[in-house]
Amino acid sequence: LTHLGLDFAIATTFIALVIPGIKNLATLATVITAGVMA
């Protein structure tokens, strides 16, 4: 089942949880840095 792209649910769930919490520059920088570095 790994070829069905189900792991995309992980990314979408965390995006939905993280985005509302980006309320200042420090948090935004943290999110962008995490994504780029990963």
All heavy atoms as atom14 arrays in JSON, in Angstrom:
{
  "sequence": "LTHLGLDFAIATTFIALVIPGIKNLATLATVITAGVMA",
  "atom14_mask": [
    [1, 1, 1, 1, 1, 1, 1, 1, 0, 0, 0, 0, 0, 0],
    [1, 1, 1, 1, 1, 1, 1, 0, 0, 0, 0, 0, 0, 0],
    [1, 1, 1, 1, 1, 1, 1, 1, 1, 1, 0, 0, 0, 0],
    [1, 1, 1, 1, 1, 1, 1, 1, 0, 0, 0, 0, 0, 0],
    [1, 1, 1, 1, 0, 0, 0, 0, 0, 0, 0, 0, 0, 0],
    [1, 1, 1, 1, 1, 1, 1, 1, 0, 0, 0, 0, 0, 0],
    [1, 1, 1, 1, 1, 1, 1, 1, 0, 0, 0, 0, 0, 0],
    [1, 1, 1, 1, 1, 1, 1, 1, 1, 1, 1, 0, 0, 0],
    [1, 1, 1, 1, 1, 0, 0, 0, 0, 0, 0, 0, 0, 0],
    [1, 1, 1, 1, 1, 1, 1, 1, 0, 0, 0, 0, 0, 0],
    [1, 1, 1, 1, 1, 0, 0, 0, 0, 0, 0, 0, 0, 0],
    [1, 1, 1, 1, 1, 1, 1, 0, 0, 0, 0, 0, 0, 0],
    [1, 1, 1, 1, 1, 1, 1, 0, 0, 0, 0, 0, 0, 0],
    [1, 1, 1, 1, 1, 1, 1, 1, 1, 1, 1, 0, 0, 0],
    [1, 1, 1, 1, 1, 1, 1, 1, 0, 0, 0, 0, 0, 0],
    [1, 1, 1, 1, 1, 0, 0, 0, 0, 0, 0, 0, 0, 0],
    [1, 1, 1, 1, 1, 1, 1, 1, 0, 0, 0, 0, 0, 0],
    [1, 1, 1, 1, 1, 1, 1, 0, 0, 0, 0, 0, 0, 0],
    [1, 1, 1, 1, 1, 1, 1, 1, 0, 0, 0, 0, 0, 0],
    [1, 1, 1, 1, 1, 1, 1, 0, 0, 0, 0, 0, 0, 0],
    [1, 1, 1, 1, 0, 0, 0, 0, 0, 0, 0, 0, 0, 0],
    [1, 1, 1, 1, 1, 1, 1, 1, 0, 0, 0, 0, 0, 0],
    [1, 1, 1, 1, 1, 1, 1, 1, 1, 0, 0, 0, 0, 0],
    [1, 1, 1, 1, 1, 1, 1, 1, 0, 0, 0, 0, 0, 0],
    [1, 1, 1, 1, 1, 1, 1, 1, 0, 0, 0, 0, 0, 0],
    [1, 1, 1, 1, 1, 0, 0, 0, 0, 0, 0, 0, 0, 0],
    [1, 1, 1, 1, 1, 1, 1, 0, 0, 0, 0, 0, 0, 0],
    [1, 1, 1, 1, 1, 1, 1, 1, 0, 0, 0, 0, 0, 0],
    [1, 1, 1, 1, 1, 0, 0, 0, 0, 0, 0, 0, 0, 0],
    [1, 1, 1, 1, 1, 1, 1, 0, 0, 0, 0, 0, 0, 0],
    [1, 1, 1, 1, 1, 1, 1, 0, 0, 0, 0, 0, 0, 0],
    [1, 1, 1, 1, 1, 1, 1, 1, 0, 0, 0, 0, 0, 0],
    [1, 1, 1, 1, 1, 1, 1, 0, 0, 0, 0, 0, 0, 0],
    [1, 1, 1, 1, 1, 0, 0, 0, 0, 0, 0, 0, 0, 0],
    [1, 1, 1, 1, 0, 0, 0, 0, 0, 0, 0, 0, 0, 0],
    [1, 1, 1, 1, 1, 1, 1, 0, 0, 0, 0, 0, 0, 0],
    [1, 1, 1, 1, 1, 1, 1, 1, 0, 0, 0, 0, 0, 0],
    [1, 1, 1, 1, 1, 0, 0, 0, 0, 0, 0, 0, 0, 0]
  ],
  "atom14_positions": [
    [[0.81, -1.22, 0.0], [0.0, 0.0, 0.0], [0.84, 1.27, 0.0], [0.3, 2.36, -0.16], [-0.92, 0.01, 1.23], [-1.94, -1.12, 1.33], [-2.79, -0.95, 2.58], [-2.84, -1.16, 0.1], [0.0, 0.0, 0.0], [0.0, 0.0, 0.0], [0.0, 0.0, 0.0], [0.0, 0.0, 0.0], [0.0, 0.0, 0.0], [0.0, 0.0, 0.0]],
    [[2.14, 1.12, 0.17], [2.99, 2.31, 0.25], [3.05, 3.05, -1.08], [3.42, 4.23, -1.11], [4.42, 1.93, 0.67], [4.95, 0.98, -0.27], [4.42, 1.3, 2.06], [0.0, 0.0, 0.0], [0.0, 0.0, 0.0], [0.0, 0.0, 0.0], [0.0, 0.0, 0.0], [0.0, 0.0, 0.0], [0.0, 0.0, 0.0], [0.0, 0.0, 0.0]],
    [[2.67, 2.38, -2.18], [2.71, 3.03, -3.49], [1.46, 3.85, -3.77], [1.36, 4.49, -4.81], [2.87, 1.98, -4.59], [4.16, 1.21, -4.5], [5.4, 1.82, -4.42], [4.4, -0.13, -4.44], [6.35, 0.9, -4.34], [5.77, -0.29, -4.34], [0.0, 0.0, 0.0], [0.0, 0.0, 0.0], [0.0, 0.0, 0.0], [0.0, 0.0, 0.0]],
    [[0.5, 3.84, -2.85], [-0.74, 4.58, -3.06], [-0.64, 6.04, -2.61], [-1.59, 6.79, -2.76], [-1.89, 3.9, -2.31], [-2.22, 2.47, -2.75], [-3.39, 1.92, -1.93], [-2.55, 2.42, -4.24], [0.0, 0.0, 0.0], [0.0, 0.0, 0.0], [0.0, 0.0, 0.0], [0.0, 0.0, 0.0], [0.0, 0.0, 0.0], [0.0, 0.0, 0.0]],
    [[0.48, 6.41, -2.05], [0.66, 7.79, -1.61], [-0.08, 8.13, -0.34], [-0.37, 9.31, -0.07], [0.0, 0.0, 0.0], [0.0, 0.0, 0.0], [0.0, 0.0, 0.0], [0.0, 0.0, 0.0], [0.0, 0.0, 0.0], [0.0, 0.0, 0.0], [0.0, 0.0, 0.0], [0.0, 0.0, 0.0], [0.0, 0.0, 0.0], [0.0, 0.0, 0.0]],
    [[-0.38, 7.12, 0.49], [-1.11, 7.38, 1.74], [-0.3, 8.22, 2.72], [-0.87, 8.89, 3.58], [-1.51, 6.05, 2.41], [-2.45, 5.14, 1.62], [-2.71, 3.87, 2.41], [-3.76, 5.84, 1.3], [0.0, 0.0, 0.0], [0.0, 0.0, 0.0], [0.0, 0.0, 0.0], [0.0, 0.0, 0.0], [0.0, 0.0, 0.0], [0.0, 0.0, 0.0]],
    [[1.04, 8.17, 2.56], [1.87, 8.93, 3.49], [1.69, 10.44, 3.33], [2.11, 11.21, 4.19], [3.35, 8.58, 3.32], [3.81, 8.67, 1.88], [2.97, 8.65, 0.97], [5.03, 8.77, 1.67], [0.0, 0.0, 0.0], [0.0, 0.0, 0.0], [0.0, 0.0, 0.0], [0.0, 0.0, 0.0], [0.0, 0.0, 0.0], [0.0, 0.0, 0.0]],
    [[1.03, 10.87, 2.25], [0.76, 12.29, 2.09], [-0.17, 12.8, 3.18], [-0.17, 13.99, 3.51], [0.14, 12.56, 0.72], [-0.09, 14.02, 0.43], [0.99, 14.87, 0.23], [-1.37, 14.55, 0.37], [0.8, 16.22, -0.02], [-1.57, 15.9, 0.11], [-0.47, 16.73, -0.08], [0.0, 0.0, 0.0], [0.0, 0.0, 0.0], [0.0, 0.0, 0.0]],
    [[-0.95, 11.88, 3.77], [-1.85, 12.27, 4.87], [-1.07, 12.81, 6.06], [-1.57, 13.66, 6.8], [-2.7, 11.07, 5.3], [0.0, 0.0, 0.0], [0.0, 0.0, 0.0], [0.0, 0.0, 0.0], [0.0, 0.0, 0.0], [0.0, 0.0, 0.0], [0.0, 0.0, 0.0], [0.0, 0.0, 0.0], [0.0, 0.0, 0.0], [0.0, 0.0, 0.0]],
    [[0.16, 12.33, 6.25], [0.98, 12.8, 7.35], [1.28, 14.29, 7.17], [1.11, 15.1, 8.08], [2.3, 12.01, 7.42], [2.01, 10.52, 7.58], [3.18, 12.52, 8.56], [3.25, 9.65, 7.49], [0.0, 0.0, 0.0], [0.0, 0.0, 0.0], [0.0, 0.0, 0.0], [0.0, 0.0, 0.0], [0.0, 0.0, 0.0], [0.0, 0.0, 0.0]],
    [[1.71, 14.62, 5.95], [2.05, 16.02, 5.67], [0.84, 16.93, 5.78], [0.9, 17.99, 6.4], [2.67, 16.13, 4.28], [0.0, 0.0, 0.0], [0.0, 0.0, 0.0], [0.0, 0.0, 0.0], [0.0, 0.0, 0.0], [0.0, 0.0, 0.0], [0.0, 0.0, 0.0], [0.0, 0.0, 0.0], [0.0, 0.0, 0.0], [0.0, 0.0, 0.0]],
    [[-0.29, 16.5, 5.21], [-1.48, 17.36, 5.22], [-2.0, 17.56, 6.64], [-2.45, 18.66, 6.98], [-2.59, 16.76, 4.34], [-2.86, 15.41, 4.77], [-2.17, 16.73, 2.89], [0.0, 0.0, 0.0], [0.0, 0.0, 0.0], [0.0, 0.0, 0.0], [0.0, 0.0, 0.0], [0.0, 0.0, 0.0], [0.0, 0.0, 0.0], [0.0, 0.0, 0.0]],
    [[-1.95, 16.53, 7.47], [-2.43, 16.66, 8.85], [-1.59, 17.68, 9.62], [-2.12, 18.57, 10.3], [-2.39, 15.31, 9.58], [-3.21, 14.37, 8.88], [-2.89, 15.45, 11.0], [0.0, 0.0, 0.0], [0.0, 0.0, 0.0], [0.0, 0.0, 0.0], [0.0, 0.0, 0.0], [0.0, 0.0, 0.0], [0.0, 0.0, 0.0], [0.0, 0.0, 0.0]],
    [[-0.27, 17.58, 9.51], [0.59, 18.5, 10.25], [0.53, 19.91, 9.67], [0.65, 20.89, 10.42], [2.04, 17.98, 10.27], [2.28, 16.97, 11.35], [2.38, 15.62, 11.06], [2.39, 17.37, 12.67], [2.59, 14.69, 12.07], [2.6, 16.45, 13.68], [2.7, 15.11, 13.38], [0.0, 0.0, 0.0], [0.0, 0.0, 0.0], [0.0, 0.0, 0.0]],
    [[0.35, 20.02, 8.37], [0.18, 21.35, 7.78], [-1.05, 22.02, 8.37], [-1.04, 23.2, 8.73], [0.08, 21.27, 6.25], [1.45, 20.91, 5.66], [-0.41, 22.59, 5.66], [1.42, 20.61, 4.17], [0.0, 0.0, 0.0], [0.0, 0.0, 0.0], [0.0, 0.0, 0.0], [0.0, 0.0, 0.0], [0.0, 0.0, 0.0], [0.0, 0.0, 0.0]],
    [[-2.15, 21.25, 8.47], [-3.39, 21.79, 9.01], [-3.24, 22.21, 10.46], [-3.88, 23.17, 10.92], [-4.51, 20.76, 8.88], [0.0, 0.0, 0.0], [0.0, 0.0, 0.0], [0.0, 0.0, 0.0], [0.0, 0.0, 0.0], [0.0, 0.0, 0.0], [0.0, 0.0, 0.0], [0.0, 0.0, 0.0], [0.0, 0.0, 0.0], [0.0, 0.0, 0.0]],
    [[-2.38, 21.52, 11.22], [-2.17, 21.85, 12.62], [-1.19, 23.01, 12.8], [-1.33, 23.81, 13.73], [-1.64, 20.62, 13.38], [-2.6, 19.44, 13.53], [-1.88, 18.26, 14.15], [-3.8, 19.82, 14.38], [0.0, 0.0, 0.0], [0.0, 0.0, 0.0], [0.0, 0.0, 0.0], [0.0, 0.0, 0.0], [0.0, 0.0, 0.0], [0.0, 0.0, 0.0]],
    [[-0.2, 23.09, 11.91], [0.87, 24.07, 12.08], [0.48, 25.46, 11.56], [0.74, 26.48, 12.23], [2.15, 23.59, 11.37], [3.18, 24.72, 11.28], [2.75, 22.41, 12.1], [0.0, 0.0, 0.0], [0.0, 0.0, 0.0], [0.0, 0.0, 0.0], [0.0, 0.0, 0.0], [0.0, 0.0, 0.0], [0.0, 0.0, 0.0], [0.0, 0.0, 0.0]],
    [[-0.13, 25.53, 10.4], [-0.4, 26.81, 9.75], [-1.15, 27.8, 10.65], [-0.75, 28.97, 10.76], [-1.19, 26.61, 8.43], [-0.31, 25.87, 7.42], [-1.63, 27.95, 7.85], [0.97, 26.59, 7.05], [0.0, 0.0, 0.0], [0.0, 0.0, 0.0], [0.0, 0.0, 0.0], [0.0, 0.0, 0.0], [0.0, 0.0, 0.0], [0.0, 0.0, 0.0]],
    [[-2.22, 27.39, 11.36], [-2.91, 28.37, 12.22], [-2.04, 28.92, 13.34], [-2.33, 29.99, 13.89], [-4.09, 27.55, 12.8], [-4.29, 26.45, 11.82], [-2.92, 26.1, 11.34], [0.0, 0.0, 0.0], [0.0, 0.0, 0.0], [0.0, 0.0, 0.0], [0.0, 0.0, 0.0], [0.0, 0.0, 0.0], [0.0, 0.0, 0.0], [0.0, 0.0, 0.0]],
    [[-0.95, 28.21, 13.69], [-0.1, 28.66, 14.78], [1.0, 29.61, 14.35], [1.75, 30.12, 15.2], [0.0, 0.0, 0.0], [0.0, 0.0, 0.0], [0.0, 0.0, 0.0], [0.0, 0.0, 0.0], [0.0, 0.0, 0.0], [0.0, 0.0, 0.0], [0.0, 0.0, 0.0], [0.0, 0.0, 0.0], [0.0, 0.0, 0.0], [0.0, 0.0, 0.0]],
    [[1.11, 29.88, 13.06], [2.14, 30.81, 12.57], [1.62, 32.24, 12.74], [0.88, 32.76, 11.9], [2.49, 30.54, 11.09], [2.99, 29.1, 10.93], [3.55, 31.52, 10.61], [3.28, 28.72, 9.5], [0.0, 0.0, 0.0], [0.0, 0.0, 0.0], [0.0, 0.0, 0.0], [0.0, 0.0, 0.0], [0.0, 0.0, 0.0], [0.0, 0.0, 0.0]],
    [[2.03, 32.86, 13.84], [1.51, 34.19, 14.16], [2.62, 35.22, 14.35], [2.34, 36.38, 14.66], [0.66, 34.11, 15.43], [-0.58, 33.22, 15.25], [-1.39, 33.13, 16.53], [-2.6, 32.23, 16.35], [-3.4, 32.1, 17.6], [0.0, 0.0, 0.0], [0.0, 0.0, 0.0], [0.0, 0.0, 0.0], [0.0, 0.0, 0.0], [0.0, 0.0, 0.0]],
    [[3.86, 34.82, 14.16], [4.96, 35.78, 14.27], [6.13, 35.32, 13.4], [6.12, 34.19, 12.86], [5.41, 35.95, 15.73], [5.74, 34.61, 16.38], [6.57, 33.87, 15.89], [5.07, 34.32, 17.5], [0.0, 0.0, 0.0], [0.0, 0.0, 0.0], [0.0, 0.0, 0.0], [0.0, 0.0, 0.0], [0.0, 0.0, 0.0], [0.0, 0.0, 0.0]],
    [[7.12, 36.17, 13.26], [8.26, 35.9, 12.38], [9.08, 34.71, 12.86], [9.55, 33.9, 12.03], [9.15, 37.15, 12.3], [10.4, 37.03, 11.41], [10.0, 36.73, 9.97], [11.23, 38.31, 11.49], [0.0, 0.0, 0.0], [0.0, 0.0, 0.0], [0.0, 0.0, 0.0], [0.0, 0.0, 0.0], [0.0, 0.0, 0.0], [0.0, 0.0, 0.0]],
    [[9.26, 34.57, 14.16], [10.06, 33.46, 14.69], [9.45, 32.11, 14.34], [10.15, 31.18, 13.93], [10.2, 33.61, 16.2], [0.0, 0.0, 0.0], [0.0, 0.0, 0.0], [0.0, 0.0, 0.0], [0.0, 0.0, 0.0], [0.0, 0.0, 0.0], [0.0, 0.0, 0.0], [0.0, 0.0, 0.0], [0.0, 0.0, 0.0], [0.0, 0.0, 0.0]],
    [[8.14, 32.01, 14.49], [7.45, 30.76, 14.15], [7.52, 30.49, 12.66], [7.76, 29.35, 12.23], [5.98, 30.82, 14.61], [5.92, 31.14, 15.99], [5.29, 29.49, 14.37], [0.0, 0.0, 0.0], [0.0, 0.0, 0.0], [0.0, 0.0, 0.0], [0.0, 0.0, 0.0], [0.0, 0.0, 0.0], [0.0, 0.0, 0.0], [0.0, 0.0, 0.0]],
    [[7.32, 31.52, 11.85], [7.4, 31.36, 10.4], [8.79, 30.88, 9.98], [8.93, 29.97, 9.16], [7.07, 32.68, 9.71], [7.18, 32.68, 8.18], [6.2, 31.69, 7.57], [6.92, 34.09, 7.63], [0.0, 0.0, 0.0], [0.0, 0.0, 0.0], [0.0, 0.0, 0.0], [0.0, 0.0, 0.0], [0.0, 0.0, 0.0], [0.0, 0.0, 0.0]],
    [[9.82, 31.49, 10.57], [11.19, 31.09, 10.25], [11.46, 29.65, 10.66], [12.16, 28.9, 9.96], [12.18, 32.03, 10.94], [0.0, 0.0, 0.0], [0.0, 0.0, 0.0], [0.0, 0.0, 0.0], [0.0, 0.0, 0.0], [0.0, 0.0, 0.0], [0.0, 0.0, 0.0], [0.0, 0.0, 0.0], [0.0, 0.0, 0.0], [0.0, 0.0, 0.0]],
    [[10.9, 29.25, 11.8], [11.07, 27.88, 12.27], [10.46, 26.89, 11.3], [11.08, 25.87, 10.94], [10.41, 27.7, 13.66], [10.99, 28.62, 14.58], [10.59, 26.29, 14.17], [0.0, 0.0, 0.0], [0.0, 0.0, 0.0], [0.0, 0.0, 0.0], [0.0, 0.0, 0.0], [0.0, 0.0, 0.0], [0.0, 0.0, 0.0], [0.0, 0.0, 0.0]],
    [[9.24, 27.17, 10.85], [8.54, 26.27, 9.92], [9.29, 26.17, 8.59], [9.51, 25.07, 8.06], [7.1, 26.77, 9.7], [6.43, 25.97, 8.58], [6.3, 26.66, 10.99], [0.0, 0.0, 0.0], [0.0, 0.0, 0.0], [0.0, 0.0, 0.0], [0.0, 0.0, 0.0], [0.0, 0.0, 0.0], [0.0, 0.0, 0.0], [0.0, 0.0, 0.0]],
    [[9.68, 27.31, 8.04], [10.38, 27.31, 6.75], [11.72, 26.59, 6.86], [12.09, 25.77, 5.99], [10.59, 28.75, 6.25], [9.23, 29.39, 5.91], [11.5, 28.78, 5.03], [9.33, 30.85, 5.53], [0.0, 0.0, 0.0], [0.0, 0.0, 0.0], [0.0, 0.0, 0.0], [0.0, 0.0, 0.0], [0.0, 0.0, 0.0], [0.0, 0.0, 0.0]],
    [[12.47, 26.87, 7.93], [13.77, 26.22, 8.12], [13.61, 24.71, 8.24], [14.4, 23.95, 7.66], [14.46, 26.77, 9.38], [14.62, 28.18, 9.26], [15.82, 26.12, 9.57], [0.0, 0.0, 0.0], [0.0, 0.0, 0.0], [0.0, 0.0, 0.0], [0.0, 0.0, 0.0], [0.0, 0.0, 0.0], [0.0, 0.0, 0.0], [0.0, 0.0, 0.0]],
    [[12.61, 24.28, 8.99], [12.39, 22.83, 9.17], [12.1, 22.17, 7.82], [12.66, 21.11, 7.51], [11.23, 22.6, 10.13], [0.0, 0.0, 0.0], [0.0, 0.0, 0.0], [0.0, 0.0, 0.0], [0.0, 0.0, 0.0], [0.0, 0.0, 0.0], [0.0, 0.0, 0.0], [0.0, 0.0, 0.0], [0.0, 0.0, 0.0], [0.0, 0.0, 0.0]],
    [[11.25, 22.79, 7.03], [10.91, 22.21, 5.73], [12.1, 22.15, 4.78], [12.34, 21.12, 4.13], [0.0, 0.0, 0.0], [0.0, 0.0, 0.0], [0.0, 0.0, 0.0], [0.0, 0.0, 0.0], [0.0, 0.0, 0.0], [0.0, 0.0, 0.0], [0.0, 0.0, 0.0], [0.0, 0.0, 0.0], [0.0, 0.0, 0.0], [0.0, 0.0, 0.0]],
    [[12.84, 23.24, 4.7], [13.99, 23.31, 3.8], [15.08, 22.32, 4.23], [15.62, 21.56, 3.41], [14.55, 24.74, 3.74], [15.87, 24.77, 2.96], [13.54, 25.68, 3.08], [0.0, 0.0, 0.0], [0.0, 0.0, 0.0], [0.0, 0.0, 0.0], [0.0, 0.0, 0.0], [0.0, 0.0, 0.0], [0.0, 0.0, 0.0], [0.0, 0.0, 0.0]],
    [[15.42, 22.32, 5.52], [16.48, 21.45, 6.01], [16.1, 19.98, 5.87], [16.94, 19.15, 5.5], [16.79, 21.78, 7.47], [17.48, 23.11, 7.69], [19.1, 23.17, 6.89], [19.98, 21.89, 7.78], [0.0, 0.0, 0.0], [0.0, 0.0, 0.0], [0.0, 0.0, 0.0], [0.0, 0.0, 0.0], [0.0, 0.0, 0.0], [0.0, 0.0, 0.0]],
    [[14.85, 19.64, 6.17], [14.42, 18.25, 6.05], [14.53, 17.77, 4.61], [15.0, 16.66, 4.33], [12.98, 18.1, 6.56], [0.0, 0.0, 0.0], [0.0, 0.0, 0.0], [0.0, 0.0, 0.0], [0.0, 0.0, 0.0], [0.0, 0.0, 0.0], [0.0, 0.0, 0.0], [0.0, 0.0, 0.0], [0.0, 0.0, 0.0], [0.0, 0.0, 0.0]]
  ]
}
